[in-house]
Amino acid sequence: MSKLKATKIVFERAEGRPSECVAKTFTGPNLWEECETYVFRQRWTAPEQGGYDKCDVVITFEADATGDELSYKMRYDMTHPNAGGHGDTIAKHLRSLWLFYSFRKTPAHLTPGRHECVLKNLNVDIAQYARFCDTYEIPGM
């Protein structure tokens, strides 16, 4: 069974110059590539001496068999390409979040027991994130 694809991505910087803090919407068959290209260009105006600009991202996926669409909201910390730190794409960031919250991938700095404890303390619905991983298509997953 094929996974449900994203139909819309809305990317909005919450920090930065006022002219840069506008919502940009991506739709169509190349929405991931177009969004990633836009974000890559925007990264050049993020703080170069360290830090990041907070961004809000909403990814809407095709409706499932019940007719419900998933609109997943997340924060993305955009760093300057020369500042080091997180240079993840939106897709990689989302993939990492879902794999972490589904308990399918434990980061190297955590033991599985500590990972489970973090998820419990955050009150994460592990089964829900496992369904997200199995149901929705993210590039590279």
N, C-alpha and C. Protein backbone atom coordinates (compact mmCIF):
# COMPACT_ATOMS: atom_id res chain seq x y z
N MET A 1 0.84 -1.18 0.00
CA MET A 1 0.00 0.00 0.00
C MET A 1 0.89 1.24 0.00
N SER A 2 0.57 2.19 -0.86
CA SER A 2 1.39 3.39 -0.92
C SER A 2 1.01 4.35 0.21
N LYS A 3 1.97 5.14 0.58
CA LYS A 3 1.76 6.08 1.66
C LYS A 3 1.08 7.34 1.12
N LEU A 4 0.42 8.05 2.03
CA LEU A 4 -0.27 9.29 1.67
C LEU A 4 0.74 10.42 1.55
N LYS A 5 0.61 11.18 0.48
CA LYS A 5 1.57 12.24 0.17
C LYS A 5 1.15 13.58 0.77
N ALA A 6 2.13 14.44 0.94
CA ALA A 6 1.86 15.81 1.38
C ALA A 6 1.18 16.56 0.23
N THR A 7 0.20 17.37 0.56
CA THR A 7 -0.49 18.18 -0.44
C THR A 7 -0.17 19.67 -0.29
N LYS A 8 0.34 20.03 0.90
CA LYS A 8 0.64 21.45 1.14
C LYS A 8 1.66 21.56 2.28
N ILE A 9 2.60 22.47 2.10
CA ILE A 9 3.52 22.82 3.17
C ILE A 9 3.47 24.34 3.32
N VAL A 10 3.25 24.79 4.54
CA VAL A 10 3.28 26.23 4.84
C VAL A 10 4.48 26.46 5.75
N PHE A 11 5.38 27.30 5.29
CA PHE A 11 6.61 27.62 6.03
C PHE A 11 6.56 29.10 6.40
N GLU A 12 6.76 29.39 7.69
CA GLU A 12 6.73 30.79 8.12
C GLU A 12 7.81 31.02 9.18
N ARG A 13 8.67 31.97 8.90
CA ARG A 13 9.67 32.35 9.89
C ARG A 13 8.98 33.11 11.00
N ALA A 14 9.35 32.80 12.24
CA ALA A 14 8.83 33.51 13.40
C ALA A 14 9.85 34.53 13.89
N GLU A 15 11.09 34.40 13.41
CA GLU A 15 12.15 35.33 13.79
C GLU A 15 12.91 35.72 12.53
N GLY A 16 13.47 36.90 12.56
CA GLY A 16 14.21 37.42 11.41
C GLY A 16 13.70 38.81 11.09
N ARG A 17 14.12 39.32 9.95
CA ARG A 17 13.64 40.63 9.51
C ARG A 17 12.13 40.55 9.23
N PRO A 18 11.39 41.62 9.53
CA PRO A 18 9.94 41.58 9.28
C PRO A 18 9.58 41.18 7.84
N SER A 19 10.36 41.63 6.88
CA SER A 19 10.06 41.30 5.48
C SER A 19 10.23 39.81 5.19
N GLU A 20 10.98 39.09 6.06
CA GLU A 20 11.20 37.65 5.87
C GLU A 20 10.19 36.80 6.63
N CYS A 21 9.50 37.41 7.58
CA CYS A 21 8.57 36.66 8.44
C CYS A 21 7.17 36.65 7.83
N VAL A 22 7.08 36.00 6.71
CA VAL A 22 5.81 35.85 6.00
C VAL A 22 5.59 34.37 5.70
N ALA A 23 4.34 33.98 5.64
CA ALA A 23 4.02 32.58 5.32
C ALA A 23 4.21 32.35 3.83
N LYS A 24 4.86 31.25 3.51
CA LYS A 24 5.06 30.84 2.12
C LYS A 24 4.44 29.45 1.99
N THR A 25 3.54 29.30 1.01
CA THR A 25 2.82 28.04 0.83
C THR A 25 3.32 27.32 -0.41
N PHE A 26 3.52 26.02 -0.28
CA PHE A 26 3.99 25.18 -1.37
C PHE A 26 2.96 24.08 -1.62
N THR A 27 2.57 23.91 -2.87
CA THR A 27 1.63 22.86 -3.27
C THR A 27 2.14 22.24 -4.56
N GLY A 28 1.48 21.18 -4.99
CA GLY A 28 1.83 20.56 -6.26
C GLY A 28 2.79 19.40 -6.10
N PRO A 29 3.12 18.75 -7.20
CA PRO A 29 3.93 17.54 -7.14
C PRO A 29 5.37 17.75 -6.67
N ASN A 30 5.88 18.95 -6.74
CA ASN A 30 7.26 19.24 -6.33
C ASN A 30 7.33 20.05 -5.04
N LEU A 31 6.29 19.99 -4.21
CA LEU A 31 6.24 20.85 -3.03
C LEU A 31 7.41 20.65 -2.09
N TRP A 32 7.88 19.42 -1.89
CA TRP A 32 9.02 19.21 -0.99
C TRP A 32 10.26 19.90 -1.53
N GLU A 33 10.56 19.69 -2.81
CA GLU A 33 11.76 20.28 -3.40
C GLU A 33 11.68 21.80 -3.40
N GLU A 34 10.52 22.34 -3.72
CA GLU A 34 10.36 23.79 -3.74
C GLU A 34 10.50 24.39 -2.34
N CYS A 35 9.94 23.73 -1.37
CA CYS A 35 10.05 24.21 0.02
C CYS A 35 11.51 24.14 0.48
N GLU A 36 12.18 23.02 0.22
CA GLU A 36 13.57 22.87 0.66
C GLU A 36 14.47 23.91 -0.01
N THR A 37 14.23 24.20 -1.29
CA THR A 37 15.01 25.21 -2.00
C THR A 37 14.79 26.58 -1.38
N TYR A 38 13.55 26.89 -1.07
CA TYR A 38 13.22 28.17 -0.43
C TYR A 38 13.91 28.29 0.93
N VAL A 39 13.82 27.24 1.73
CA VAL A 39 14.44 27.26 3.06
C VAL A 39 15.96 27.39 2.93
N PHE A 40 16.56 26.69 1.97
CA PHE A 40 18.00 26.79 1.79
C PHE A 40 18.40 28.24 1.51
N ARG A 41 17.65 28.91 0.67
CA ARG A 41 17.94 30.32 0.38
C ARG A 41 17.73 31.20 1.61
N GLN A 42 16.69 30.94 2.36
CA GLN A 42 16.40 31.72 3.56
C GLN A 42 17.48 31.55 4.63
N ARG A 43 18.10 30.39 4.68
CA ARG A 43 19.12 30.13 5.69
C ARG A 43 20.26 31.13 5.64
N TRP A 44 20.52 31.70 4.48
CA TRP A 44 21.62 32.66 4.34
C TRP A 44 21.35 33.95 5.11
N THR A 45 20.12 34.19 5.51
CA THR A 45 19.80 35.39 6.28
C THR A 45 19.59 35.09 7.77
N ALA A 46 19.78 33.84 8.16
CA ALA A 46 19.72 33.47 9.58
C ALA A 46 20.99 33.98 10.27
N PRO A 47 21.01 34.00 11.61
CA PRO A 47 22.19 34.50 12.32
C PRO A 47 23.46 33.71 11.95
N GLU A 48 24.48 34.43 11.49
CA GLU A 48 25.71 33.76 11.05
C GLU A 48 26.65 33.45 12.21
N GLN A 49 26.54 34.18 13.29
CA GLN A 49 27.46 34.00 14.41
C GLN A 49 26.90 33.04 15.46
N GLY A 50 26.09 32.10 15.03
CA GLY A 50 25.50 31.14 15.95
C GLY A 50 24.04 31.47 16.20
N GLY A 51 23.35 30.58 16.81
CA GLY A 51 21.93 30.76 17.04
C GLY A 51 21.13 30.31 15.83
N TYR A 52 19.88 30.68 15.82
CA TYR A 52 18.97 30.24 14.77
C TYR A 52 17.75 31.14 14.77
N ASP A 53 16.98 31.04 13.71
CA ASP A 53 15.67 31.70 13.64
C ASP A 53 14.61 30.62 13.73
N LYS A 54 13.67 30.81 14.65
CA LYS A 54 12.56 29.86 14.78
C LYS A 54 11.63 30.02 13.59
N CYS A 55 11.12 28.89 13.12
CA CYS A 55 10.19 28.87 12.00
C CYS A 55 9.05 27.91 12.33
N ASP A 56 7.88 28.23 11.83
CA ASP A 56 6.71 27.36 11.99
C ASP A 56 6.44 26.67 10.66
N VAL A 57 6.17 25.39 10.72
CA VAL A 57 5.91 24.61 9.52
C VAL A 57 4.63 23.80 9.74
N VAL A 58 3.74 23.84 8.76
CA VAL A 58 2.53 23.01 8.78
C VAL A 58 2.53 22.20 7.50
N ILE A 59 2.50 20.87 7.65
CA ILE A 59 2.50 19.97 6.51
C ILE A 59 1.15 19.25 6.49
N THR A 60 0.43 19.41 5.40
CA THR A 60 -0.88 18.77 5.26
C THR A 60 -0.73 17.60 4.30
N PHE A 61 -1.26 16.45 4.72
CA PHE A 61 -1.19 15.23 3.94
C PHE A 61 -2.56 14.87 3.37
N GLU A 62 -2.54 14.05 2.32
CA GLU A 62 -3.78 13.57 1.70
C GLU A 62 -4.69 12.94 2.75
N ALA A 63 -5.97 12.92 2.44
CA ALA A 63 -6.95 12.31 3.34
C ALA A 63 -6.77 10.80 3.38
N ASP A 64 -7.01 10.24 4.55
CA ASP A 64 -6.93 8.78 4.70
C ASP A 64 -8.28 8.16 4.32
N ALA A 65 -8.44 6.87 4.58
CA ALA A 65 -9.65 6.15 4.19
C ALA A 65 -10.90 6.70 4.87
N THR A 66 -10.74 7.35 6.01
CA THR A 66 -11.90 7.92 6.71
C THR A 66 -12.22 9.33 6.23
N GLY A 67 -11.36 9.86 5.33
CA GLY A 67 -11.58 11.21 4.80
C GLY A 67 -10.89 12.29 5.60
N ASP A 68 -10.11 11.90 6.61
CA ASP A 68 -9.42 12.88 7.45
C ASP A 68 -8.04 13.20 6.89
N GLU A 69 -7.75 14.50 6.80
CA GLU A 69 -6.41 14.96 6.43
C GLU A 69 -5.61 15.14 7.72
N LEU A 70 -4.31 14.93 7.61
CA LEU A 70 -3.43 15.23 8.73
C LEU A 70 -2.74 16.55 8.42
N SER A 71 -2.85 17.52 9.32
CA SER A 71 -2.07 18.75 9.24
C SER A 71 -1.14 18.72 10.44
N TYR A 72 0.13 18.43 10.17
CA TYR A 72 1.12 18.29 11.23
C TYR A 72 1.88 19.60 11.38
N LYS A 73 1.89 20.12 12.60
CA LYS A 73 2.56 21.39 12.89
C LYS A 73 3.84 21.11 13.67
N MET A 74 4.91 21.80 13.28
CA MET A 74 6.18 21.63 13.99
C MET A 74 6.99 22.91 13.94
N ARG A 75 7.95 22.99 14.84
CA ARG A 75 8.90 24.10 14.84
C ARG A 75 10.16 23.62 14.13
N TYR A 76 10.74 24.53 13.37
CA TYR A 76 11.99 24.25 12.67
C TYR A 76 12.96 25.37 13.02
N ASP A 77 14.14 25.02 13.48
CA ASP A 77 15.16 26.00 13.83
C ASP A 77 16.11 26.15 12.65
N MET A 78 16.03 27.30 11.99
CA MET A 78 16.81 27.54 10.78
C MET A 78 18.14 28.20 11.13
N THR A 79 19.24 27.55 10.72
CA THR A 79 20.57 28.07 10.99
C THR A 79 21.22 28.56 9.70
N HIS A 80 22.16 29.45 9.85
CA HIS A 80 22.95 29.94 8.72
C HIS A 80 23.87 28.80 8.25
N PRO A 81 24.08 28.64 6.94
CA PRO A 81 24.93 27.55 6.46
C PRO A 81 26.35 27.58 7.03
N ASN A 82 26.88 28.74 7.36
CA ASN A 82 28.24 28.85 7.90
C ASN A 82 28.30 28.75 9.41
N ALA A 83 27.16 28.67 10.08
CA ALA A 83 27.13 28.67 11.54
C ALA A 83 27.25 27.27 12.14
N GLY A 84 27.23 26.24 11.31
CA GLY A 84 27.26 24.88 11.84
C GLY A 84 25.91 24.54 12.44
N GLY A 85 25.90 23.64 13.35
CA GLY A 85 24.63 23.28 13.99
C GLY A 85 23.73 22.49 13.07
N HIS A 86 22.44 22.70 13.22
CA HIS A 86 21.45 21.93 12.49
C HIS A 86 21.24 22.52 11.10
N GLY A 87 21.56 21.75 10.11
CA GLY A 87 21.31 22.17 8.75
C GLY A 87 20.34 21.21 8.09
N ASP A 88 19.54 20.56 8.92
CA ASP A 88 18.61 19.57 8.40
C ASP A 88 17.59 20.19 7.46
N THR A 89 17.19 19.41 6.48
CA THR A 89 16.07 19.80 5.64
C THR A 89 14.79 19.64 6.46
N ILE A 90 13.70 20.20 5.96
CA ILE A 90 12.40 20.04 6.62
C ILE A 90 12.06 18.55 6.68
N ALA A 91 12.26 17.84 5.56
CA ALA A 91 11.93 16.41 5.51
C ALA A 91 12.76 15.62 6.52
N LYS A 92 14.06 15.89 6.59
CA LYS A 92 14.91 15.16 7.53
C LYS A 92 14.51 15.46 8.97
N HIS A 93 14.20 16.72 9.24
CA HIS A 93 13.77 17.09 10.59
C HIS A 93 12.48 16.36 10.98
N LEU A 94 11.51 16.35 10.08
CA LEU A 94 10.24 15.66 10.34
C LEU A 94 10.46 14.17 10.52
N ARG A 95 11.27 13.58 9.65
CA ARG A 95 11.58 12.16 9.73
C ARG A 95 12.20 11.84 11.09
N SER A 96 13.17 12.64 11.51
CA SER A 96 13.84 12.41 12.80
C SER A 96 12.86 12.50 13.96
N LEU A 97 11.97 13.51 13.91
CA LEU A 97 10.97 13.65 14.97
C LEU A 97 10.08 12.42 15.06
N TRP A 98 9.53 12.00 13.91
CA TRP A 98 8.60 10.88 13.92
C TRP A 98 9.28 9.58 14.33
N LEU A 99 10.51 9.36 13.87
CA LEU A 99 11.22 8.14 14.25
C LEU A 99 11.55 8.15 15.74
N PHE A 100 11.90 9.31 16.28
CA PHE A 100 12.17 9.43 17.72
C PHE A 100 10.90 9.19 18.52
N TYR A 101 9.82 9.89 18.17
CA TYR A 101 8.57 9.78 18.92
C TYR A 101 7.90 8.41 18.76
N SER A 102 8.18 7.71 17.68
CA SER A 102 7.61 6.37 17.49
C SER A 102 8.45 5.29 18.17
N PHE A 103 9.55 5.69 18.78
CA PHE A 103 10.49 4.79 19.47
C PHE A 103 11.14 3.83 18.49
N ARG A 104 11.24 4.25 17.22
CA ARG A 104 11.86 3.41 16.20
C ARG A 104 13.34 3.71 16.02
N LYS A 105 13.77 4.88 16.49
CA LYS A 105 15.18 5.23 16.38
C LYS A 105 15.60 5.98 17.64
N THR A 106 16.54 5.38 18.35
CA THR A 106 17.06 5.98 19.57
C THR A 106 18.37 6.69 19.22
N PRO A 107 18.48 7.98 19.53
CA PRO A 107 19.72 8.70 19.26
C PRO A 107 20.90 8.08 20.00
N ALA A 108 22.08 8.25 19.45
CA ALA A 108 23.29 7.64 20.03
C ALA A 108 23.55 8.11 21.46
N HIS A 109 23.12 9.32 21.80
CA HIS A 109 23.40 9.84 23.14
C HIS A 109 22.42 9.35 24.21
N LEU A 110 21.44 8.54 23.81
CA LEU A 110 20.46 8.00 24.77
C LEU A 110 20.52 6.48 24.77
N THR A 111 20.24 5.90 25.91
CA THR A 111 20.02 4.46 25.95
C THR A 111 18.54 4.23 25.61
N PRO A 112 18.17 3.05 25.17
CA PRO A 112 16.74 2.79 24.92
C PRO A 112 15.87 3.06 26.16
N GLY A 113 16.38 2.73 27.34
CA GLY A 113 15.61 2.99 28.56
C GLY A 113 15.40 4.48 28.81
N ARG A 114 16.43 5.28 28.57
CA ARG A 114 16.31 6.73 28.76
C ARG A 114 15.39 7.31 27.69
N HIS A 115 15.49 6.81 26.47
CA HIS A 115 14.61 7.24 25.38
C HIS A 115 13.16 7.00 25.76
N GLU A 116 12.88 5.81 26.25
CA GLU A 116 11.52 5.47 26.67
C GLU A 116 11.05 6.39 27.79
N CYS A 117 11.94 6.71 28.73
CA CYS A 117 11.61 7.60 29.84
C CYS A 117 11.28 9.01 29.33
N VAL A 118 12.07 9.50 28.37
CA VAL A 118 11.81 10.83 27.80
C VAL A 118 10.43 10.85 27.15
N LEU A 119 10.13 9.83 26.36
CA LEU A 119 8.82 9.77 25.69
C LEU A 119 7.68 9.71 26.71
N LYS A 120 7.88 8.97 27.77
CA LYS A 120 6.86 8.88 28.82
C LYS A 120 6.67 10.23 29.50
N ASN A 121 7.77 10.90 29.83
CA ASN A 121 7.70 12.21 30.49
C ASN A 121 7.05 13.26 29.59
N LEU A 122 7.22 13.14 28.29
CA LEU A 122 6.60 14.07 27.34
C LEU A 122 5.17 13.68 27.00
N ASN A 123 4.73 12.53 27.54
CA ASN A 123 3.38 12.02 27.28
C ASN A 123 3.13 11.81 25.79
N VAL A 124 4.12 11.24 25.11
CA VAL A 124 4.05 10.99 23.67
C VAL A 124 3.21 9.74 23.40
N ASP A 125 2.33 9.83 22.44
CA ASP A 125 1.56 8.67 21.99
C ASP A 125 2.41 7.94 20.94
N ILE A 126 3.20 6.98 21.40
CA ILE A 126 4.14 6.26 20.54
C ILE A 126 3.42 5.59 19.38
N ALA A 127 2.27 4.98 19.65
CA ALA A 127 1.52 4.29 18.61
C ALA A 127 1.05 5.26 17.52
N GLN A 128 0.67 6.47 17.92
CA GLN A 128 0.24 7.47 16.94
C GLN A 128 1.39 7.83 16.00
N TYR A 129 2.58 8.02 16.54
CA TYR A 129 3.72 8.35 15.69
C TYR A 129 4.15 7.17 14.83
N ALA A 130 3.97 5.96 15.32
CA ALA A 130 4.24 4.78 14.49
C ALA A 130 3.27 4.76 13.30
N ARG A 131 2.00 5.11 13.56
CA ARG A 131 1.03 5.18 12.46
C ARG A 131 1.42 6.26 11.46
N PHE A 132 1.89 7.41 11.96
CA PHE A 132 2.36 8.47 11.06
C PHE A 132 3.46 7.92 10.16
N CYS A 133 4.45 7.24 10.75
CA CYS A 133 5.56 6.69 9.97
C CYS A 133 5.09 5.70 8.91
N ASP A 134 4.09 4.91 9.25
CA ASP A 134 3.60 3.88 8.34
C ASP A 134 2.61 4.40 7.30
N THR A 135 1.98 5.55 7.57
CA THR A 135 0.89 6.04 6.73
C THR A 135 1.28 7.17 5.79
N TYR A 136 2.17 8.04 6.23
CA TYR A 136 2.46 9.27 5.48
C TYR A 136 3.85 9.25 4.88
N GLU A 137 3.95 9.76 3.66
CA GLU A 137 5.21 9.75 2.94
C GLU A 137 6.02 11.00 3.24
N ILE A 138 7.25 10.77 3.65
CA ILE A 138 8.23 11.84 3.85
C ILE A 138 9.43 11.46 2.98
N PRO A 139 9.94 12.36 2.18
CA PRO A 139 11.11 12.02 1.36
C PRO A 139 12.24 11.42 2.21
N GLY A 140 12.78 10.32 1.73
CA GLY A 140 13.89 9.65 2.42
C GLY A 140 13.47 8.64 3.47
N MET A 141 12.15 8.44 3.62
CA MET A 141 11.69 7.49 4.66
C MET A 141 10.94 6.35 4.00
